[in-house]
Amino acid sequence: MNTILFLLKRDFTDEEQGKGKFFCPFCLKVEGLMAMFPEIRHAIEVRYVDFDKPRANLADFVGSDNQSCPHLIFPDGDDQWSGKYSLKSEMGIVHIDRTSYILNYFIDRFDLPSAH
């Protein structure tokens, strides 16, 4: 199974924050990297989820208490680049849930230039 990246859909609402539409600034960073380096998007499965929980089947991989986005899931376990960034969920699934680690993982995996 491919690596899965969960991102929040743009233009979501959040009743706790009041009226209006929102975007996730953390997901935006990952979207920006994928826009600059489209080989990332072509090599993984990207799933856009609603802000409201449960967030599609993200909870099936990492449990209901850790549905943050962006979230990178490795259904088949770590690959050669992910081990220094990943955690194992309560469900036993390898994942990365920190935006900076996701970006660094993509930089390593796709041999991209470093951020400066």
PDB file of N, CA and C in Angstrom:
ATOM      1  N   MET A   1       0.850  -1.181   0.000  1.00  0.00           N
ATOM      2  CA  MET A   1       0.000   0.000   0.000  1.00  0.00           C
ATOM      3  C   MET A   1       0.894   1.243   0.000  1.00  0.00           C
ATOM      4  N   ASN A   2       0.483   2.252  -0.734  1.00  0.00           N
ATOM      5  CA  ASN A   2       1.246   3.503  -0.815  1.00  0.00           C
ATOM      6  C   ASN A   2       1.265   4.263   0.505  1.00  0.00           C
ATOM      7  N   THR A   3       2.246   5.117   0.631  1.00  0.00           N
ATOM      8  CA  THR A   3       2.270   6.094   1.714  1.00  0.00           C
ATOM      9  C   THR A   3       1.072   7.019   1.520  1.00  0.00           C
ATOM     10  N   ILE A   4       0.386   7.353   2.608  1.00  0.00           N
ATOM     11  CA  ILE A   4      -0.826   8.174   2.537  1.00  0.00           C
ATOM     12  C   ILE A   4      -0.592   9.474   3.289  1.00  0.00           C
ATOM     13  N   LEU A   5      -0.878  10.585   2.641  1.00  0.00           N
ATOM     14  CA  LEU A   5      -0.799  11.903   3.268  1.00  0.00           C
ATOM     15  C   LEU A   5      -2.210  12.422   3.476  1.00  0.00           C
ATOM     16  N   PHE A   6      -2.566  12.691   4.728  1.00  0.00           N
ATOM     17  CA  PHE A   6      -3.857  13.291   5.051  1.00  0.00           C
ATOM     18  C   PHE A   6      -3.672  14.791   5.215  1.00  0.00           C
ATOM     19  N   LEU A   7      -4.479  15.554   4.486  1.00  0.00           N
ATOM     20  CA  LEU A   7      -4.489  17.013   4.568  1.00  0.00           C
ATOM     21  C   LEU A   7      -5.920  17.480   4.778  1.00  0.00           C
ATOM     22  N   LEU A   8      -6.075  18.599   5.482  1.00  0.00           N
ATOM     23  CA  LEU A   8      -7.406  19.182   5.625  1.00  0.00           C
ATOM     24  C   LEU A   8      -7.824  19.829   4.317  1.00  0.00           C
ATOM     25  N   LYS A   9      -9.119  19.709   4.007  1.00  0.00           N
ATOM     26  CA  LYS A   9      -9.662  20.412   2.850  1.00  0.00           C
ATOM     27  C   LYS A   9      -9.561  21.907   3.100  1.00  0.00           C
ATOM     28  N   ARG A  10      -9.404  22.672   2.032  1.00  0.00           N
ATOM     29  CA  ARG A  10      -9.382  24.129   2.186  1.00  0.00           C
ATOM     30  C   ARG A  10     -10.808  24.622   2.414  1.00  0.00           C
ATOM     31  N   ASP A  11     -10.935  25.843   2.866  1.00  0.00           N
ATOM     32  CA  ASP A  11     -12.244  26.484   3.076  1.00  0.00           C
ATOM     33  C   ASP A  11     -13.117  25.750   4.091  1.00  0.00           C
ATOM     34  N   PHE A  12     -12.508  25.218   5.149  1.00  0.00           N
ATOM     35  CA  PHE A  12     -13.325  24.537   6.154  1.00  0.00           C
ATOM     36  C   PHE A  12     -13.885  25.544   7.153  1.00  0.00           C
ATOM     37  N   THR A  13     -14.903  25.127   7.868  1.00  0.00           N
ATOM     38  CA  THR A  13     -15.488  25.955   8.916  1.00  0.00           C
ATOM     39  C   THR A  13     -15.181  25.318  10.269  1.00  0.00           C
ATOM     40  N   ASP A  14     -15.194  26.164  11.291  1.00  0.00           N
ATOM     41  CA  ASP A  14     -14.955  25.705  12.657  1.00  0.00           C
ATOM     42  C   ASP A  14     -15.864  26.520  13.564  1.00  0.00           C
ATOM     43  N   GLU A  15     -16.937  25.911  14.025  1.00  0.00           N
ATOM     44  CA  GLU A  15     -17.926  26.619  14.839  1.00  0.00           C
ATOM     45  C   GLU A  15     -17.317  27.213  16.101  1.00  0.00           C
ATOM     46  N   GLU A  16     -16.277  26.583  16.643  1.00  0.00           N
ATOM     47  CA  GLU A  16     -15.637  27.106  17.851  1.00  0.00           C
ATOM     48  C   GLU A  16     -14.911  28.420  17.588  1.00  0.00           C
ATOM     49  N   GLN A  17     -14.481  28.643  16.351  1.00  0.00           N
ATOM     50  CA  GLN A  17     -13.754  29.869  15.991  1.00  0.00           C
ATOM     51  C   GLN A  17     -14.677  30.952  15.441  1.00  0.00           C
ATOM     52  N   GLY A  18     -15.934  30.638  15.256  1.00  0.00           N
ATOM     53  CA  GLY A  18     -16.870  31.629  14.744  1.00  0.00           C
ATOM     54  C   GLY A  18     -17.105  31.476  13.259  1.00  0.00           C
ATOM     55  N   LYS A  19     -17.702  32.521  12.697  1.00  0.00           N
ATOM     56  CA  LYS A  19     -18.071  32.479  11.286  1.00  0.00           C
ATOM     57  C   LYS A  19     -16.847  32.643  10.406  1.00  0.00           C
ATOM     58  N   GLY A  20     -17.003  32.197   9.193  1.00  0.00           N
ATOM     59  CA  GLY A  20     -15.932  32.335   8.221  1.00  0.00           C
ATOM     60  C   GLY A  20     -15.368  30.993   7.817  1.00  0.00           C
ATOM     61  N   LYS A  21     -14.510  31.065   6.825  1.00  0.00           N
ATOM     62  CA  LYS A  21     -13.845  29.868   6.323  1.00  0.00           C
ATOM     63  C   LYS A  21     -12.367  29.939   6.680  1.00  0.00           C
ATOM     64  N   PHE A  22     -11.752  28.776   6.789  1.00  0.00           N
ATOM     65  CA  PHE A  22     -10.369  28.690   7.228  1.00  0.00           C
ATOM     66  C   PHE A  22      -9.572  27.751   6.326  1.00  0.00           C
ATOM     67  N   PHE A  23      -8.243  27.876   6.416  1.00  0.00           N
ATOM     68  CA  PHE A  23      -7.342  26.886   5.838  1.00  0.00           C
ATOM     69  C   PHE A  23      -6.324  26.544   6.910  1.00  0.00           C
ATOM     70  N   CYS A  24      -5.678  25.412   6.742  1.00  0.00           N
ATOM     71  CA  CYS A  24      -4.676  24.954   7.703  1.00  0.00           C
ATOM     72  C   CYS A  24      -3.297  25.429   7.254  1.00  0.00           C
ATOM     73  N   PRO A  25      -2.624  26.282   8.037  1.00  0.00           N
ATOM     74  CA  PRO A  25      -1.304  26.765   7.631  1.00  0.00           C
ATOM     75  C   PRO A  25      -0.248  25.659   7.590  1.00  0.00           C
ATOM     76  N   PHE A  26      -0.428  24.620   8.362  1.00  0.00           N
ATOM     77  CA  PHE A  26       0.522  23.509   8.360  1.00  0.00           C
ATOM     78  C   PHE A  26       0.365  22.674   7.086  1.00  0.00           C
ATOM     79  N   CYS A  27      -0.885  22.428   6.703  1.00  0.00           N
ATOM     80  CA  CYS A  27      -1.145  21.717   5.444  1.00  0.00           C
ATOM     81  C   CYS A  27      -0.661  22.543   4.259  1.00  0.00           C
ATOM     82  N   LEU A  28      -0.788  23.862   4.362  1.00  0.00           N
ATOM     83  CA  LEU A  28      -0.347  24.745   3.285  1.00  0.00           C
ATOM     84  C   LEU A  28       1.151  24.598   3.022  1.00  0.00           C
ATOM     85  N   LYS A  29       1.936  24.430   4.066  1.00  0.00           N
ATOM     86  CA  LYS A  29       3.383  24.236   3.889  1.00  0.00           C
ATOM     87  C   LYS A  29       3.669  22.974   3.077  1.00  0.00           C
ATOM     88  N   VAL A  30       2.957  21.910   3.384  1.00  0.00           N
ATOM     89  CA  VAL A  30       3.162  20.655   2.657  1.00  0.00           C
ATOM     90  C   VAL A  30       2.664  20.794   1.221  1.00  0.00           C
ATOM     91  N   GLU A  31       1.506  21.445   1.042  1.00  0.00           N
ATOM     92  CA  GLU A  31       0.982  21.694  -0.314  1.00  0.00           C
ATOM     93  C   GLU A  31       1.991  22.494  -1.133  1.00  0.00           C
ATOM     94  N   GLY A  32       2.616  23.491  -0.514  1.00  0.00           N
ATOM     95  CA  GLY A  32       3.598  24.311  -1.212  1.00  0.00           C
ATOM     96  C   GLY A  32       4.789  23.498  -1.679  1.00  0.00           C
ATOM     97  N   LEU A  33       5.284  22.612  -0.826  1.00  0.00           N
ATOM     98  CA  LEU A  33       6.409  21.764  -1.217  1.00  0.00           C
ATOM     99  C   LEU A  33       6.009  20.849  -2.376  1.00  0.00           C
ATOM    100  N   MET A  34       4.783  20.301  -2.311  1.00  0.00           N
ATOM    101  CA  MET A  34       4.333  19.424  -3.393  1.00  0.00           C
ATOM    102  C   MET A  34       4.112  20.201  -4.689  1.00  0.00           C
ATOM    103  N   ALA A  35       3.735  21.474  -4.583  1.00  0.00           N
ATOM    104  CA  ALA A  35       3.578  22.296  -5.790  1.00  0.00           C
ATOM    105  C   ALA A  35       4.932  22.554  -6.446  1.00  0.00           C
ATOM    106  N   MET A  36       5.950  22.785  -5.631  1.00  0.00           N
ATOM    107  CA  MET A  36       7.292  23.028  -6.166  1.00  0.00           C
ATOM    108  C   MET A  36       7.944  21.754  -6.700  1.00  0.00           C
ATOM    109  N   PHE A  37       7.610  20.628  -6.077  1.00  0.00           N
ATOM    110  CA  PHE A  37       8.217  19.347  -6.440  1.00  0.00           C
ATOM    111  C   PHE A  37       7.098  18.318  -6.653  1.00  0.00           C
ATOM    112  N   PRO A  38       6.453  18.355  -7.826  1.00  0.00           N
ATOM    113  CA  PRO A  38       5.281  17.507  -8.062  1.00  0.00           C
ATOM    114  C   PRO A  38       5.560  16.005  -8.007  1.00  0.00           C
ATOM    115  N   GLU A  39       6.822  15.623  -8.056  1.00  0.00           N
ATOM    116  CA  GLU A  39       7.136  14.197  -7.956  1.00  0.00           C
ATOM    117  C   GLU A  39       6.666  13.616  -6.621  1.00  0.00           C
ATOM    118  N   ILE A  40       6.565  14.455  -5.607  1.00  0.00           N
ATOM    119  CA  ILE A  40       6.059  13.983  -4.309  1.00  0.00           C
ATOM    120  C   ILE A  40       4.620  13.520  -4.466  1.00  0.00           C
ATOM    121  N   ARG A  41       3.775  14.402  -4.996  1.00  0.00           N
ATOM    122  CA  ARG A  41       2.341  14.101  -5.141  1.00  0.00           C
ATOM    123  C   ARG A  41       2.123  12.854  -6.009  1.00  0.00           C
ATOM    124  N   HIS A  42       2.967  12.664  -7.006  1.00  0.00           N
ATOM    125  CA  HIS A  42       2.804  11.522  -7.909  1.00  0.00           C
ATOM    126  C   HIS A  42       3.218  10.200  -7.259  1.00  0.00           C
ATOM    127  N   ALA A  43       3.986  10.270  -6.187  1.00  0.00           N
ATOM    128  CA  ALA A  43       4.511   9.052  -5.563  1.00  0.00           C
ATOM    129  C   ALA A  43       3.732   8.605  -4.330  1.00  0.00           C
ATOM    130  N   ILE A  44       2.826   9.433  -3.849  1.00  0.00           N
ATOM    131  CA  ILE A  44       2.069   9.104  -2.639  1.00  0.00           C
ATOM    132  C   ILE A  44       0.576   9.241  -2.920  1.00  0.00           C
ATOM    133  N   GLU A  45      -0.220   8.785  -1.984  1.00  0.00           N
ATOM    134  CA  GLU A  45      -1.667   8.981  -2.063  1.00  0.00           C
ATOM    135  C   GLU A  45      -2.026  10.150  -1.152  1.00  0.00           C
ATOM    136  N   VAL A  46      -2.687  11.157  -1.698  1.00  0.00           N
ATOM    137  CA  VAL A  46      -3.103  12.318  -0.915  1.00  0.00           C
ATOM    138  C   VAL A  46      -4.605  12.216  -0.681  1.00  0.00           C
ATOM    139  N   ARG A  47      -5.001  12.294   0.583  1.00  0.00           N
ATOM    140  CA  ARG A  47      -6.425  12.253   0.949  1.00  0.00           C
ATOM    141  C   ARG A  47      -6.777  13.547   1.668  1.00  0.00           C
ATOM    142  N   TYR A  48      -7.771  14.240   1.139  1.00  0.00           N
ATOM    143  CA  TYR A  48      -8.254  15.470   1.753  1.00  0.00           C
ATOM    144  C   TYR A  48      -9.431  15.127   2.651  1.00  0.00           C
ATOM    145  N   VAL A  49      -9.372  15.604   3.893  1.00  0.00           N
ATOM    146  CA  VAL A  49     -10.394  15.270   4.880  1.00  0.00           C
ATOM    147  C   VAL A  49     -11.034  16.534   5.432  1.00  0.00           C
ATOM    148  N   ASP A  50     -12.254  16.372   5.933  1.00  0.00           N
ATOM    149  CA  ASP A  50     -12.971  17.477   6.562  1.00  0.00           C
ATOM    150  C   ASP A  50     -12.327  17.833   7.895  1.00  0.00           C
ATOM    151  N   PHE A  51     -12.551  19.063   8.331  1.00  0.00           N
ATOM    152  CA  PHE A  51     -12.036  19.504   9.625  1.00  0.00           C
ATOM    153  C   PHE A  51     -12.706  18.742  10.767  1.00  0.00           C
ATOM    154  N   ASP A  52     -14.019  18.536  10.654  1.00  0.00           N
ATOM    155  CA  ASP A  52     -14.749  17.847  11.714  1.00  0.00           C
ATOM    156  C   ASP A  52     -14.252  16.413  11.864  1.00  0.00           C
ATOM    157  N   LYS A  53     -14.248  15.960  13.102  1.00  0.00           N
ATOM    158  CA  LYS A  53     -13.804  14.601  13.397  1.00  0.00           C
ATOM    159  C   LYS A  53     -15.019  13.694  13.511  1.00  0.00           C
ATOM    160  N   PRO A  54     -14.893  12.431  13.163  1.00  0.00           N
ATOM    161  CA  PRO A  54     -13.664  11.780  12.720  1.00  0.00           C
ATOM    162  C   PRO A  54     -13.274  12.213  11.308  1.00  0.00           C
ATOM    163  N   ARG A  55     -11.994  12.267  11.072  1.00  0.00           N
ATOM    164  CA  ARG A  55     -11.450  12.718   9.789  1.00  0.00           C
ATOM    165  C   ARG A  55     -11.223  11.517   8.874  1.00  0.00           C
ATOM    166  N   ALA A  56     -12.287  11.187   8.148  1.00  0.00           N
ATOM    167  CA  ALA A  56     -12.270  10.035   7.236  1.00  0.00           C
ATOM    168  C   ALA A  56     -11.744   8.831   8.002  1.00  0.00           C
ATOM    169  N   ASN A  57     -10.835   8.078   7.416  1.00  0.00           N
ATOM    170  CA  ASN A  57     -10.335   6.890   8.117  1.00  0.00           C
ATOM    171  C   ASN A  57      -8.970   7.120   8.760  1.00  0.00           C
ATOM    172  N   LEU A  58      -8.582   8.367   8.987  1.00  0.00           N
ATOM    173  CA  LEU A  58      -7.320   8.655   9.672  1.00  0.00           C
ATOM    174  C   LEU A  58      -7.274   7.972  11.038  1.00  0.00           C
ATOM    175  N   ALA A  59      -8.395   8.006  11.754  1.00  0.00           N
ATOM    176  CA  ALA A  59      -8.448   7.390  13.084  1.00  0.00           C
ATOM    177  C   ALA A  59      -8.201   5.881  13.030  1.00  0.00           C
ATOM    178  N   ASP A  60      -8.535   5.240  11.920  1.00  0.00           N
ATOM    179  CA  ASP A  60      -8.274   3.801  11.781  1.00  0.00           C
ATOM    180  C   ASP A  60      -6.779   3.500  11.826  1.00  0.00           C
ATOM    181  N   PHE A  61      -5.977   4.462  11.392  1.00  0.00           N
ATOM    182  CA  PHE A  61      -4.527   4.274  11.366  1.00  0.00           C
ATOM    183  C   PHE A  61      -3.847   4.710  12.665  1.00  0.00           C
ATOM    184  N   VAL A  62      -4.325   5.813  13.252  1.00  0.00           N
ATOM    185  CA  VAL A  62      -3.590   6.403  14.377  1.00  0.00           C
ATOM    186  C   VAL A  62      -4.400   6.538  15.661  1.00  0.00           C
ATOM    187  N   GLY A  63      -5.656   6.135  15.654  1.00  0.00           N
ATOM    188  CA  GLY A  63      -6.492   6.260  16.834  1.00  0.00           C
ATOM    189  C   GLY A  63      -7.251   7.574  16.845  1.00  0.00           C
ATOM    190  N   SER A  64      -8.287   7.633  17.637  1.00  0.00           N
ATOM    191  CA  SER A  64      -9.163   8.808  17.637  1.00  0.00           C
ATOM    192  C   SER A  64      -8.555  10.019  18.330  1.00  0.00           C
ATOM    193  N   ASP A  65      -7.519   9.831  19.133  1.00  0.00           N
ATOM    194  CA  ASP A  65      -6.915  10.950  19.860  1.00  0.00           C
ATOM    195  C   ASP A  65      -5.836  11.681  19.077  1.00  0.00           C
ATOM    196  N   ASN A  66      -5.474  11.193  17.901  1.00  0.00           N
ATOM    197  CA  ASN A  66      -4.376  11.809  17.150  1.00  0.00           C
ATOM    198  C   ASN A  66      -4.766  11.990  15.689  1.00  0.00           C
ATOM    199  N   GLN A  67      -5.738  12.862  15.426  1.00  0.00           N
ATOM    200  CA  GLN A  67      -6.216  13.086  14.073  1.00  0.00           C
ATOM    201  C   GLN A  67      -5.722  14.419  13.513  1.00  0.00           C
ATOM    202  N   SER A  68      -4.535  14.835  13.916  1.00  0.00           N
ATOM    203  CA  SER A  68      -3.996  16.106  13.430  1.00  0.00           C
ATOM    204  C   SER A  68      -3.622  15.994  11.956  1.00  0.00           C
ATOM    205  N   CYS A  69      -3.629  17.124  11.292  1.00  0.00           N
ATOM    206  CA  CYS A  69      -3.213  17.193   9.892  1.00  0.00           C
ATOM    207  C   CYS A  69      -2.211  18.320   9.757  1.00  0.00           C
ATOM    208  N   PRO A  70      -1.227  18.153   8.890  1.00  0.00           N
ATOM    209  CA  PRO A  70      -1.004  17.024   8.005  1.00  0.00           C
ATOM    210  C   PRO A  70      -0.547  15.786   8.773  1.00  0.00           C
ATOM    211  N   HIS A  71      -0.764  14.644   8.162  1.00  0.00           N
ATOM    212  CA  HIS A  71      -0.411  13.379   8.789  1.00  0.00           C
ATOM    213  C   HIS A  71       0.015  12.416   7.690  1.00  0.00           C
ATOM    214  N   LEU A  72       1.183  11.841   7.834  1.00  0.00           N
ATOM    215  CA  LEU A  72       1.729  10.924   6.835  1.00  0.00           C
ATOM    216  C   LEU A  72       1.717   9.509   7.406  1.00  0.00           C
ATOM    217  N   ILE A  73       1.097   8.588   6.681  1.00  0.00           N
ATOM    218  CA  ILE A  73       0.887   7.222   7.146  1.00  0.00           C
ATOM    219  C   ILE A  73       1.690   6.251   6.280  1.00  0.00           C
ATOM    220  N   PHE A  74       2.335   5.293   6.931  1.00  0.00           N
ATOM    221  CA  PHE A  74       3.107   4.248   6.253  1.00  0.00           C
ATOM    222  C   PHE A  74       2.461   2.897   6.563  1.00  0.00           C
ATOM    223  N   PRO A  75       1.422   2.495   5.808  1.00  0.00           N
ATOM    224  CA  PRO A  75       0.702   1.258   6.126  1.00  0.00           C
ATOM    225  C   PRO A  75       1.582   0.014   6.138  1.00  0.00           C
ATOM    226  N   ASP A  76       2.662   0.029   5.364  1.00  0.00           N
ATOM    227  CA  ASP A  76       3.549  -1.135   5.298  1.00  0.00           C
ATOM    228  C   ASP A  76       4.777  -0.997   6.191  1.00  0.00           C
ATOM    229  N   GLY A  77       4.791  -0.005   7.080  1.00  0.00           N
ATOM    230  CA  GLY A  77       5.933   0.212   7.961  1.00  0.00           C
ATOM    231  C   GLY A  77       6.913   1.211   7.383  1.00  0.00           C
ATOM    232  N   ASP A  78       7.959   1.479   8.146  1.00  0.00           N
ATOM    233  CA  ASP A  78       8.967   2.457   7.734  1.00  0.00           C
ATOM    234  C   ASP A  78       9.609   2.081   6.408  1.00  0.00           C
ATOM    235  N   ASP A  79       9.933   3.116   5.628  1.00  0.00           N
ATOM    236  CA  ASP A  79      10.785   2.909   4.464  1.00  0.00           C
ATOM    237  C   ASP A  79      12.198   3.359   4.853  1.00  0.00           C
ATOM    238  N   GLN A  80      13.114   3.399   3.922  1.00  0.00           N
ATOM    239  CA  GLN A  80      14.510   3.683   4.274  1.00  0.00           C
ATOM    240  C   GLN A  80      14.749   5.112   4.742  1.00  0.00           C
ATOM    241  N   TRP A  81      13.790   6.018   4.553  1.00  0.00           N
ATOM    242  CA  TRP A  81      13.977   7.418   4.935  1.00  0.00           C
ATOM    243  C   TRP A  81      13.165   7.833   6.164  1.00  0.00           C
ATOM    244  N   SER A  82      12.124   7.103   6.494  1.00  0.00           N
ATOM    245  CA  SER A  82      11.163   7.576   7.498  1.00  0.00           C
ATOM    246  C   SER A  82      11.545   7.300   8.944  1.00  0.00           C
ATOM    247  N   GLY A  83      12.404   6.338   9.197  1.00  0.00           N
ATOM    248  CA  GLY A  83      12.682   5.886  10.557  1.00  0.00           C
ATOM    249  C   GLY A  83      13.096   6.961  11.537  1.00  0.00           C
ATOM    250  N   LYS A  84      13.837   7.958  11.090  1.00  0.00           N
ATOM    251  CA  LYS A  84      14.287   8.993  12.032  1.00  0.00           C
ATOM    252  C   LYS A  84      13.203  10.020  12.350  1.00  0.00           C
ATOM    253  N   TYR A  85      12.071   9.956  11.656  1.00  0.00           N
ATOM    254  CA  TYR A  85      10.987  10.916  11.873  1.00  0.00           C
ATOM    255  C   TYR A  85       9.708  10.272  12.407  1.00  0.00           C
ATOM    256  N   SER A  86       9.563   8.979  12.265  1.00  0.00           N
ATOM    257  CA  SER A  86       8.267   8.337  12.485  1.00  0.00           C
ATOM    258  C   SER A  86       8.046   7.869  13.920  1.00  0.00           C
ATOM    259  N   LEU A  87       6.781   7.626  14.203  1.00  0.00           N
ATOM    260  CA  LEU A  87       6.308   7.046  15.458  1.00  0.00           C
ATOM    261  C   LEU A  87       5.430   5.857  15.112  1.00  0.00           C
ATOM    262  N   LYS A  88       5.137   5.044  16.103  1.00  0.00           N
ATOM    263  CA  LYS A  88       4.182   3.958  15.904  1.00  0.00           C
ATOM    264  C   LYS A  88       2.921   4.315  16.679  1.00  0.00           C
ATOM    265  N   SER A  89       1.775   4.260  16.010  1.00  0.00           N
ATOM    266  CA  SER A  89       0.507   4.629  16.636  1.00  0.00           C
ATOM    267  C   SER A  89       0.027   3.534  17.579  1.00  0.00           C
ATOM    268  N   GLU A  90      -1.003   3.857  18.347  1.00  0.00           N
ATOM    269  CA  GLU A  90      -1.610   2.863  19.233  1.00  0.00           C
ATOM    270  C   GLU A  90      -2.200   1.705  18.433  1.00  0.00           C
ATOM    271  N   MET A  91      -2.424   1.931  17.143  1.00  0.00           N
ATOM    272  CA  MET A  91      -2.949   0.896  16.257  1.00  0.00           C
ATOM    273  C   MET A  91      -1.810   0.067  15.644  1.00  0.00           C
ATOM    274  N   GLY A  92      -0.551   0.439  15.963  1.00  0.00           N
ATOM    275  CA  GLY A  92       0.603  -0.271  15.433  1.00  0.00           C
ATOM    276  C   GLY A  92       1.054   0.197  14.059  1.00  0.00           C
ATOM    277  N   ILE A  93       0.530   1.330  13.600  1.00  0.00           N
ATOM    278  CA  ILE A  93       0.847   1.858  12.273  1.00  0.00           C
ATOM    279  C   ILE A  93       1.928   2.936  12.391  1.00  0.00           C
ATOM    280  N   VAL A  94       2.910   2.874  11.503  1.00  0.00           N
ATOM    281  CA  VAL A  94       3.980   3.868  11.463  1.00  0.00           C
ATOM    282  C   VAL A  94       3.434   5.137  10.816  1.00  0.00           C
ATOM    283  N   HIS A  95       3.762   6.303  11.421  1.00  0.00           N
ATOM    284  CA  HIS A  95       3.235   7.572  10.919  1.00  0.00           C
ATOM    285  C   HIS A  95       4.153   8.719  11.312  1.00  0.00           C
ATOM    286  N   ILE A  96       3.970   9.852  10.633  1.00  0.00           N
ATOM    287  CA  ILE A  96       4.646  11.106  10.988  1.00  0.00           C
ATOM    288  C   ILE A  96       3.565  12.162  11.119  1.00  0.00           C
ATOM    289  N   ASP A  97       3.528  12.840  12.277  1.00  0.00           N
ATOM    290  CA  ASP A  97       2.470  13.825  12.504  1.00  0.00           C
ATOM    291  C   ASP A  97       2.983  15.242  12.757  1.00  0.00           C
ATOM    292  N   ARG A  98       4.267  15.457  12.613  1.00  0.00           N
ATOM    293  CA  ARG A  98       4.822  16.811  12.765  1.00  0.00           C
ATOM    294  C   ARG A  98       5.153  17.362  11.384  1.00  0.00           C
ATOM    295  N   THR A  99       4.661  18.565  11.094  1.00  0.00           N
ATOM    296  CA  THR A  99       4.839  19.156   9.769  1.00  0.00           C
ATOM    297  C   THR A  99       6.305  19.235   9.381  1.00  0.00           C
ATOM    298  N   SER A 100       7.157  19.695  10.282  1.00  0.00           N
ATOM    299  CA  SER A 100       8.581  19.827   9.950  1.00  0.00           C
ATOM    300  C   SER A 100       9.201  18.470   9.625  1.00  0.00           C
ATOM    301  N   TYR A 101       8.764  17.419  10.310  1.00  0.00           N
ATOM    302  CA  TYR A 101       9.279  16.081  10.029  1.00  0.00           C
ATOM    303  C   TYR A 101       8.775  15.566   8.680  1.00  0.00           C
ATOM    304  N   ILE A 102       7.528  15.880   8.357  1.00  0.00           N
ATOM    305  CA  ILE A 102       6.987  15.482   7.050  1.00  0.00           C
ATOM    306  C   ILE A 102       7.783  16.152   5.940  1.00  0.00           C
ATOM    307  N   LEU A 103       8.029  17.449   6.082  1.00  0.00           N
ATOM    308  CA  LEU A 103       8.811  18.166   5.074  1.00  0.00           C
ATOM    309  C   LEU A 103      10.212  17.578   4.958  1.00  0.00           C
ATOM    310  N   ASN A 104      10.866  17.331   6.081  1.00  0.00           N
ATOM    311  CA  ASN A 104      12.213  16.756   6.055  1.00  0.00           C
ATOM    312  C   ASN A 104      12.225  15.350   5.458  1.00  0.00           C
ATOM    313  N   TYR A 105      11.205  14.578   5.763  1.00  0.00           N
ATOM    314  CA  TYR A 105      11.096  13.247   5.165  1.00  0.00           C
ATOM    315  C   TYR A 105      11.029  13.354   3.644  1.00  0.00           C
ATOM    316  N   PHE A 106      10.179  14.251   3.132  1.00  0.00           N
ATOM    317  CA  PHE A 106      10.071  14.414   1.676  1.00  0.00           C
ATOM    318  C   PHE A 106      11.392  14.895   1.074  1.00  0.00           C
ATOM    319  N   ILE A 107      12.066  15.801   1.751  1.00  0.00           N
ATOM    320  CA  ILE A 107      13.370  16.282   1.271  1.00  0.00           C
ATOM    321  C   ILE A 107      14.352  15.112   1.171  1.00  0.00           C
ATOM    322  N   ASP A 108      14.375  14.258   2.189  1.00  0.00           N
ATOM    323  CA  ASP A 108      15.264  13.092   2.173  1.00  0.00           C
ATOM    324  C   ASP A 108      14.859  12.090   1.092  1.00  0.00           C
ATOM    325  N   ARG A 109      13.595  11.724   1.085  1.00  0.00           N
ATOM    326  CA  ARG A 109      13.126  10.667   0.177  1.00  0.00           C
ATOM    327  C   ARG A 109      13.294  11.046  -1.289  1.00  0.00           C
ATOM    328  N   PHE A 110      13.026  12.304  -1.616  1.00  0.00           N
ATOM    329  CA  PHE A 110      13.057  12.717  -3.017  1.00  0.00           C
ATOM    330  C   PHE A 110      14.332  13.474  -3.378  1.00  0.00           C
ATOM    331  N   ASP A 111      15.298  13.480  -2.455  1.00  0.00           N
ATOM    332  CA  ASP A 111      16.589  14.126  -2.685  1.00  0.00           C
ATOM    333  C   ASP A 111      16.406  15.571  -3.161  1.00  0.00           C
ATOM    334  N   LEU A 112      15.590  16.308  -2.400  1.00  0.00           N
ATOM    335  CA  LEU A 112      15.277  17.697  -2.726  1.00  0.00           C
ATOM    336  C   LEU A 112      16.305  18.625  -2.101  1.00  0.00           C
ATOM    337  N   PRO A 113      16.383  19.860  -2.584  1.00  0.00           N
ATOM    338  CA  PRO A 113      17.265  20.835  -1.943  1.00  0.00           C
ATOM    339  C   PRO A 113      16.808  21.093  -0.506  1.00  0.00           C
ATOM    340  N   SER A 114      17.727  21.485   0.329  1.00  0.00           N
ATOM    341  CA  SER A 114      17.405  21.815   1.723  1.00  0.00           C
ATOM    342  C   SER A 114      16.755  23.185   1.811  1.00  0.00           C
ATOM    343  N   ALA A 115      15.927  23.359   2.821  1.00  0.00           N
ATOM    344  CA  ALA A 115      15.329  24.670   3.088  1.00  0.00           C
ATOM    345  C   ALA A 115      16.417  25.617   3.580  1.00  0.00           C
ATOM    346  N   HIS A 116      16.270  26.893   3.273  1.00  0.00           N
ATOM    347  CA  HIS A 116      17.283  27.872   3.673  1.00  0.00           C
ATOM    348  C   HIS A 116      16.616  29.157   4.136  1.00  0.00           C
TER     349      HIS A 116
END
